[in-house]
Structures are given as C-alpha cells and as structure tokens.
Amino acid sequence: MARRTQTSCPTACYPLPMREFLNDWWRLLKLIVASLAIPVILWGLLVWTGVLR
C-alpha cells in the first residue's frame, strides 16, 4: 500500500512557497542567534568562574 505524504498542513495560513520562505528565514535567524549566543554564554561562564575578569 502506498503511503501518502502530506505536503502542507490542513490549516495553512500561507501558500506553500511563502511558508517555505518563512521557514528558510526562521532557520537562518536561529543559526545567527545560536552563533552569537554560544560565545557570549561561554564568556559569561568564564567570567563567573573567575577565569576571566
């Protein structure tokens, strides 16, 4: 029996190309935030532990 895949959610607010565009920007935003947050968190931990002043 062939398995059907659902290409869009049943209550989609946007047409499929628009949702893909927003999904790409959301993934890019998460990448940028993570790449900035990780060094800041590490720096904060080093300052808190007294390794850095």
PDB file of N, CA and C in Angstrom:
ATOM      1  N   MET A   1       0.837  -1.169   0.000  1.00  0.00           N
ATOM      2  CA  MET A   1       0.000   0.000   0.000  1.00  0.00           C
ATOM      3  C   MET A   1       0.891   1.244   0.000  1.00  0.00           C
ATOM      4  N   ALA A   2       0.598   2.164  -0.875  1.00  0.00           N
ATOM      5  CA  ALA A   2       1.396   3.379  -0.991  1.00  0.00           C
ATOM      6  C   ALA A   2       1.076   4.311   0.168  1.00  0.00           C
ATOM      7  N   ARG A   3       2.091   4.930   0.677  1.00  0.00           N
ATOM      8  CA  ARG A   3       1.923   5.843   1.800  1.00  0.00           C
ATOM      9  C   ARG A   3       1.843   7.268   1.271  1.00  0.00           C
ATOM     10  N   ARG A   4       0.794   7.964   1.647  1.00  0.00           N
ATOM     11  CA  ARG A   4       0.633   9.349   1.203  1.00  0.00           C
ATOM     12  C   ARG A   4       1.347  10.274   2.164  1.00  0.00           C
ATOM     13  N   THR A   5       2.047  11.239   1.612  1.00  0.00           N
ATOM     14  CA  THR A   5       2.694  12.248   2.443  1.00  0.00           C
ATOM     15  C   THR A   5       1.929  13.544   2.295  1.00  0.00           C
ATOM     16  N   GLN A   6       1.757  14.204   3.401  1.00  0.00           N
ATOM     17  CA  GLN A   6       1.042  15.467   3.397  1.00  0.00           C
ATOM     18  C   GLN A   6       2.038  16.590   3.130  1.00  0.00           C
ATOM     19  N   THR A   7       1.795  17.384   2.085  1.00  0.00           N
ATOM     20  CA  THR A   7       2.733  18.438   1.706  1.00  0.00           C
ATOM     21  C   THR A   7       2.479  19.741   2.449  1.00  0.00           C
ATOM     22  N   SER A   8       1.281  19.940   2.969  1.00  0.00           N
ATOM     23  CA  SER A   8       1.005  21.155   3.722  1.00  0.00           C
ATOM     24  C   SER A   8       0.034  20.823   4.846  1.00  0.00           C
ATOM     25  N   CYS A   9       0.092  21.630   5.885  1.00  0.00           N
ATOM     26  CA  CYS A   9      -0.831  21.383   6.992  1.00  0.00           C
ATOM     27  C   CYS A   9      -2.235  21.798   6.566  1.00  0.00           C
ATOM     28  N   PRO A  10      -3.251  21.198   7.119  1.00  0.00           N
ATOM     29  CA  PRO A  10      -4.608  21.472   6.651  1.00  0.00           C
ATOM     30  C   PRO A  10      -5.086  22.893   6.919  1.00  0.00           C
ATOM     31  N   THR A  11      -4.508  23.569   7.911  1.00  0.00           N
ATOM     32  CA  THR A  11      -4.948  24.929   8.230  1.00  0.00           C
ATOM     33  C   THR A  11      -3.841  25.926   7.922  1.00  0.00           C
ATOM     34  N   ALA A  12      -3.197  25.794   6.786  1.00  0.00           N
ATOM     35  CA  ALA A  12      -2.076  26.679   6.440  1.00  0.00           C
ATOM     36  C   ALA A  12      -2.573  28.095   6.197  1.00  0.00           C
ATOM     37  N   CYS A  13      -1.877  29.047   6.786  1.00  0.00           N
ATOM     38  CA  CYS A  13      -2.233  30.455   6.603  1.00  0.00           C
ATOM     39  C   CYS A  13      -1.645  31.009   5.311  1.00  0.00           C
ATOM     40  N   TYR A  14      -0.511  30.444   4.906  1.00  0.00           N
ATOM     41  CA  TYR A  14       0.194  30.943   3.739  1.00  0.00           C
ATOM     42  C   TYR A  14       0.231  29.869   2.669  1.00  0.00           C
ATOM     43  N   PRO A  15       0.321  30.289   1.416  1.00  0.00           N
ATOM     44  CA  PRO A  15       0.562  29.291   0.364  1.00  0.00           C
ATOM     45  C   PRO A  15       1.933  28.640   0.562  1.00  0.00           C
ATOM     46  N   LEU A  16       2.138  27.502  -0.022  1.00  0.00           N
ATOM     47  CA  LEU A  16       3.344  26.716   0.213  1.00  0.00           C
ATOM     48  C   LEU A  16       4.641  27.481  -0.049  1.00  0.00           C
ATOM     49  N   PRO A  17       4.813  28.225  -1.166  1.00  0.00           N
ATOM     50  CA  PRO A  17       6.085  28.946  -1.363  1.00  0.00           C
ATOM     51  C   PRO A  17       6.353  29.983  -0.270  1.00  0.00           C
ATOM     52  N   MET A  18       5.325  30.644   0.213  1.00  0.00           N
ATOM     53  CA  MET A  18       5.518  31.639   1.260  1.00  0.00           C
ATOM     54  C   MET A  18       5.956  30.968   2.556  1.00  0.00           C
ATOM     55  N   ARG A  19       5.361  29.825   2.885  1.00  0.00           N
ATOM     56  CA  ARG A  19       5.740  29.118   4.105  1.00  0.00           C
ATOM     57  C   ARG A  19       7.179  28.633   4.013  1.00  0.00           C
ATOM     58  N   GLU A  20       7.601  28.178   2.832  1.00  0.00           N
ATOM     59  CA  GLU A  20       8.996  27.750   2.669  1.00  0.00           C
ATOM     60  C   GLU A  20       9.942  28.935   2.854  1.00  0.00           C
ATOM     61  N   PHE A  21       9.552  30.100   2.351  1.00  0.00           N
ATOM     62  CA  PHE A  21      10.359  31.311   2.513  1.00  0.00           C
ATOM     63  C   PHE A  21      10.496  31.668   3.990  1.00  0.00           C
ATOM     64  N   LEU A  22       9.379  31.626   4.722  1.00  0.00           N
ATOM     65  CA  LEU A  22       9.433  31.944   6.153  1.00  0.00           C
ATOM     66  C   LEU A  22      10.230  30.897   6.913  1.00  0.00           C
ATOM     67  N   ASN A  23      10.119  29.639   6.515  1.00  0.00           N
ATOM     68  CA  ASN A  23      10.864  28.568   7.169  1.00  0.00           C
ATOM     69  C   ASN A  23      12.367  28.771   6.960  1.00  0.00           C
ATOM     70  N   ASP A  24      12.773  29.155   5.757  1.00  0.00           N
ATOM     71  CA  ASP A  24      14.191  29.405   5.490  1.00  0.00           C
ATOM     72  C   ASP A  24      14.714  30.564   6.326  1.00  0.00           C
ATOM     73  N   TRP A  25      13.948  31.649   6.436  1.00  0.00           N
ATOM     74  CA  TRP A  25      14.384  32.796   7.224  1.00  0.00           C
ATOM     75  C   TRP A  25      14.419  32.456   8.707  1.00  0.00           C
ATOM     76  N   TRP A  26      13.457  31.632   9.178  1.00  0.00           N
ATOM     77  CA  TRP A  26      13.437  31.233  10.578  1.00  0.00           C
ATOM     78  C   TRP A  26      14.672  30.403  10.900  1.00  0.00           C
ATOM     79  N   ARG A  27      15.039  29.482  10.006  1.00  0.00           N
ATOM     80  CA  ARG A  27      16.229  28.662  10.223  1.00  0.00           C
ATOM     81  C   ARG A  27      17.493  29.517  10.205  1.00  0.00           C
ATOM     82  N   LEU A  28      17.562  30.505   9.314  1.00  0.00           N
ATOM     83  CA  LEU A  28      18.713  31.404   9.260  1.00  0.00           C
ATOM     84  C   LEU A  28      18.805  32.248  10.532  1.00  0.00           C
ATOM     85  N   LEU A  29      17.664  32.724  11.010  1.00  0.00           N
ATOM     86  CA  LEU A  29      17.648  33.522  12.235  1.00  0.00           C
ATOM     87  C   LEU A  29      18.117  32.690  13.430  1.00  0.00           C
ATOM     88  N   LYS A  30      17.663  31.447  13.529  1.00  0.00           N
ATOM     89  CA  LYS A  30      18.105  30.581  14.627  1.00  0.00           C
ATOM     90  C   LYS A  30      19.605  30.319  14.540  1.00  0.00           C
ATOM     91  N   LEU A  31      20.133  30.142  13.343  1.00  0.00           N
ATOM     92  CA  LEU A  31      21.568  29.923  13.177  1.00  0.00           C
ATOM     93  C   LEU A  31      22.367  31.133  13.634  1.00  0.00           C
ATOM     94  N   ILE A  32      21.919  32.328  13.254  1.00  0.00           N
ATOM     95  CA  ILE A  32      22.620  33.556  13.637  1.00  0.00           C
ATOM     96  C   ILE A  32      22.566  33.747  15.149  1.00  0.00           C
ATOM     97  N   VAL A  33      21.396  33.543  15.747  1.00  0.00           N
ATOM     98  CA  VAL A  33      21.254  33.727  17.198  1.00  0.00           C
ATOM     99  C   VAL A  33      22.114  32.716  17.946  1.00  0.00           C
ATOM    100  N   ALA A  34      22.133  31.475  17.491  1.00  0.00           N
ATOM    101  CA  ALA A  34      22.939  30.454  18.163  1.00  0.00           C
ATOM    102  C   ALA A  34      24.427  30.764  18.024  1.00  0.00           C
ATOM    103  N   SER A  35      24.835  31.224  16.847  1.00  0.00           N
ATOM    104  CA  SER A  35      26.257  31.504  16.649  1.00  0.00           C
ATOM    105  C   SER A  35      26.715  32.712  17.463  1.00  0.00           C
ATOM    106  N   LEU A  36      25.806  33.600  17.815  1.00  0.00           N
ATOM    107  CA  LEU A  36      26.161  34.728  18.674  1.00  0.00           C
ATOM    108  C   LEU A  36      26.008  34.380  20.149  1.00  0.00           C
ATOM    109  N   ALA A  37      25.048  33.549  20.492  1.00  0.00           N
ATOM    110  CA  ALA A  37      24.758  33.269  21.895  1.00  0.00           C
ATOM    111  C   ALA A  37      25.786  32.332  22.512  1.00  0.00           C
ATOM    112  N   ILE A  38      26.277  31.365  21.780  1.00  0.00           N
ATOM    113  CA  ILE A  38      27.206  30.379  22.349  1.00  0.00           C
ATOM    114  C   ILE A  38      28.485  31.040  22.862  1.00  0.00           C
ATOM    115  N   PRO A  39      29.158  31.905  22.089  1.00  0.00           N
ATOM    116  CA  PRO A  39      30.352  32.562  22.647  1.00  0.00           C
ATOM    117  C   PRO A  39      30.036  33.469  23.847  1.00  0.00           C
ATOM    118  N   VAL A  40      28.886  34.127  23.827  1.00  0.00           N
ATOM    119  CA  VAL A  40      28.518  35.003  24.942  1.00  0.00           C
ATOM    120  C   VAL A  40      28.280  34.176  26.209  1.00  0.00           C
ATOM    121  N   ILE A  41      27.629  33.033  26.073  1.00  0.00           N
ATOM    122  CA  ILE A  41      27.396  32.162  27.229  1.00  0.00           C
ATOM    123  C   ILE A  41      28.716  31.614  27.751  1.00  0.00           C
ATOM    124  N   LEU A  42      29.591  31.197  26.859  1.00  0.00           N
ATOM    125  CA  LEU A  42      30.896  30.701  27.304  1.00  0.00           C
ATOM    126  C   LEU A  42      31.698  31.798  28.006  1.00  0.00           C
ATOM    127  N   TRP A  43      31.679  32.998  27.457  1.00  0.00           N
ATOM    128  CA  TRP A  43      32.377  34.122  28.088  1.00  0.00           C
ATOM    129  C   TRP A  43      31.792  34.384  29.480  1.00  0.00           C
ATOM    130  N   GLY A  44      30.469  34.369  29.595  1.00  0.00           N
ATOM    131  CA  GLY A  44      29.825  34.584  30.888  1.00  0.00           C
ATOM    132  C   GLY A  44      30.205  33.520  31.900  1.00  0.00           C
ATOM    133  N   LEU A  45      30.281  32.280  31.472  1.00  0.00           N
ATOM    134  CA  LEU A  45      30.698  31.208  32.380  1.00  0.00           C
ATOM    135  C   LEU A  45      32.147  31.393  32.835  1.00  0.00           C
ATOM    136  N   LEU A  46      33.021  31.800  31.926  1.00  0.00           N
ATOM    137  CA  LEU A  46      34.416  32.025  32.287  1.00  0.00           C
ATOM    138  C   LEU A  46      34.575  33.204  33.243  1.00  0.00           C
ATOM    139  N   VAL A  47      33.784  34.257  33.044  1.00  0.00           N
ATOM    140  CA  VAL A  47      33.826  35.397  33.964  1.00  0.00           C
ATOM    141  C   VAL A  47      33.269  34.980  35.318  1.00  0.00           C
ATOM    142  N   TRP A  48      32.191  34.228  35.326  1.00  0.00           N
ATOM    143  CA  TRP A  48      31.541  33.804  36.571  1.00  0.00           C
ATOM    144  C   TRP A  48      32.448  32.890  37.395  1.00  0.00           C
ATOM    145  N   THR A  49      33.190  32.022  36.698  1.00  0.00           N
ATOM    146  CA  THR A  49      34.077  31.113  37.425  1.00  0.00           C
ATOM    147  C   THR A  49      35.383  31.793  37.836  1.00  0.00           C
ATOM    148  N   GLY A  50      35.665  32.973  37.328  1.00  0.00           N
ATOM    149  CA  GLY A  50      36.867  33.698  37.720  1.00  0.00           C
ATOM    150  C   GLY A  50      38.053  33.485  36.812  1.00  0.00           C
ATOM    151  N   VAL A  51      37.871  32.774  35.712  1.00  0.00           N
ATOM    152  CA  VAL A  51      38.972  32.567  34.772  1.00  0.00           C
ATOM    153  C   VAL A  51      39.301  33.887  34.064  1.00  0.00           C
ATOM    154  N   LEU A  52      38.268  34.629  33.712  1.00  0.00           N
ATOM    155  CA  LEU A  52      38.444  35.946  33.082  1.00  0.00           C
ATOM    156  C   LEU A  52      37.932  37.018  34.028  1.00  0.00           C
ATOM    157  N   ARG A  53      38.470  38.216  33.879  1.00  0.00           N
ATOM    158  CA  ARG A  53      37.986  39.329  34.700  1.00  0.00           C
ATOM    159  C   ARG A  53      37.139  40.249  33.874  1.00  0.00           C
TER     160      ARG A  53
END
